[in-house]
């Protein structure tokens, strides 16, 4: 049986690894240059849409990533 502490540590490590791979800080200037002249409401919609796309793509690659890598080798 896994202790809650181990689960918490593993979850935090995975979150940190995803943060390092996605590197959201480096994307901010590009994103802002693309939506800089839009209204506040349009910016909010763009942020929500981009976030949804990222979550969907991460889920797809998490599920199918191993299969894709096996196909390439």
Protein backbone atom coordinates (compact mmCIF):
# COMPACT_ATOMS: atom_id res chain seq x y z
CA UNK A 1 0.00 0.00 0.00
CA UNK A 2 1.34 3.41 -0.97
CA UNK A 3 1.44 6.04 1.73
CA UNK A 4 -0.19 9.44 1.10
CA UNK A 5 3.20 11.09 1.59
CA UNK A 6 4.75 9.07 -1.25
CA UNK A 7 1.82 9.89 -3.51
CA UNK A 8 2.18 13.60 -2.71
CA UNK A 9 5.92 13.59 -3.40
CA UNK A 10 5.45 11.69 -6.67
CA UNK A 11 2.72 14.10 -7.76
CA UNK A 12 4.87 17.13 -6.99
CA UNK A 13 7.81 15.64 -8.88
CA UNK A 14 5.65 14.96 -11.93
CA UNK A 15 4.21 18.49 -11.81
CA UNK A 16 7.70 19.98 -11.63
CA UNK A 17 8.87 17.85 -14.56
CA UNK A 18 5.91 18.90 -16.67
CA UNK A 19 6.55 22.54 -15.78
CA UNK A 20 10.18 22.19 -16.85
CA UNK A 21 9.26 20.55 -20.16
CA UNK A 22 6.49 22.99 -21.05
CA UNK A 23 8.51 26.04 -19.93
CA UNK A 24 5.55 28.46 -19.82
CA UNK A 25 7.74 31.47 -19.00
CA UNK A 26 9.44 31.31 -22.39
CA UNK A 27 6.09 31.26 -24.21
CA UNK A 28 4.71 34.42 -22.58
CA UNK A 29 6.41 36.96 -24.91
CA UNK A 30 5.25 35.11 -28.03
CA UNK A 31 1.72 34.71 -26.70
CA UNK A 32 1.53 38.38 -25.70
CA UNK A 33 2.78 39.52 -29.11
CA UNK A 34 0.04 37.49 -30.77
CA UNK A 35 -2.82 38.80 -28.60
CA UNK A 36 -1.40 42.16 -27.51
CA UNK A 37 -3.93 44.43 -29.24
CA UNK A 38 -7.06 42.48 -28.31
CA UNK A 39 -9.63 43.40 -25.68
CA UNK A 40 -9.47 41.94 -22.18
CA UNK A 41 -12.38 39.59 -22.90
CA UNK A 42 -10.75 38.32 -26.10
CA UNK A 43 -7.49 37.74 -24.24
CA UNK A 44 -9.33 35.72 -21.59
CA UNK A 45 -10.94 33.56 -24.29
CA UNK A 46 -7.57 33.03 -25.99
CA UNK A 47 -5.93 32.01 -22.70
CA UNK A 48 -8.72 29.53 -21.92
CA UNK A 49 -8.60 28.08 -25.42
CA UNK A 50 -4.80 27.73 -25.41
CA UNK A 51 -4.91 26.11 -21.96
CA UNK A 52 -7.53 23.63 -23.12
CA UNK A 53 -5.44 22.72 -26.17
CA UNK A 54 -2.38 22.15 -24.00
CA UNK A 55 -4.28 19.89 -21.60
CA UNK A 56 -5.81 17.88 -24.47
CA UNK A 57 -2.45 17.46 -26.22
CA UNK A 58 -0.75 16.45 -22.97
CA UNK A 59 -3.46 13.85 -22.34
CA UNK A 60 -3.17 12.46 -25.87
CA UNK A 61 0.61 12.19 -25.70
CA UNK A 62 0.46 10.72 -22.20
CA UNK A 63 -1.86 7.98 -23.40
CA UNK A 64 -0.38 7.33 -26.84
CA UNK A 65 3.22 8.45 -26.35
CA UNK A 66 4.63 5.01 -25.62
CA UNK A 67 2.91 3.54 -28.66
CA UNK A 68 4.24 6.33 -30.88
CA UNK A 69 7.78 5.80 -29.67
CA UNK A 70 7.55 2.03 -30.23
CA UNK A 71 6.30 2.70 -33.76
CA UNK A 72 9.36 4.85 -34.51
CA UNK A 73 11.87 2.22 -33.42
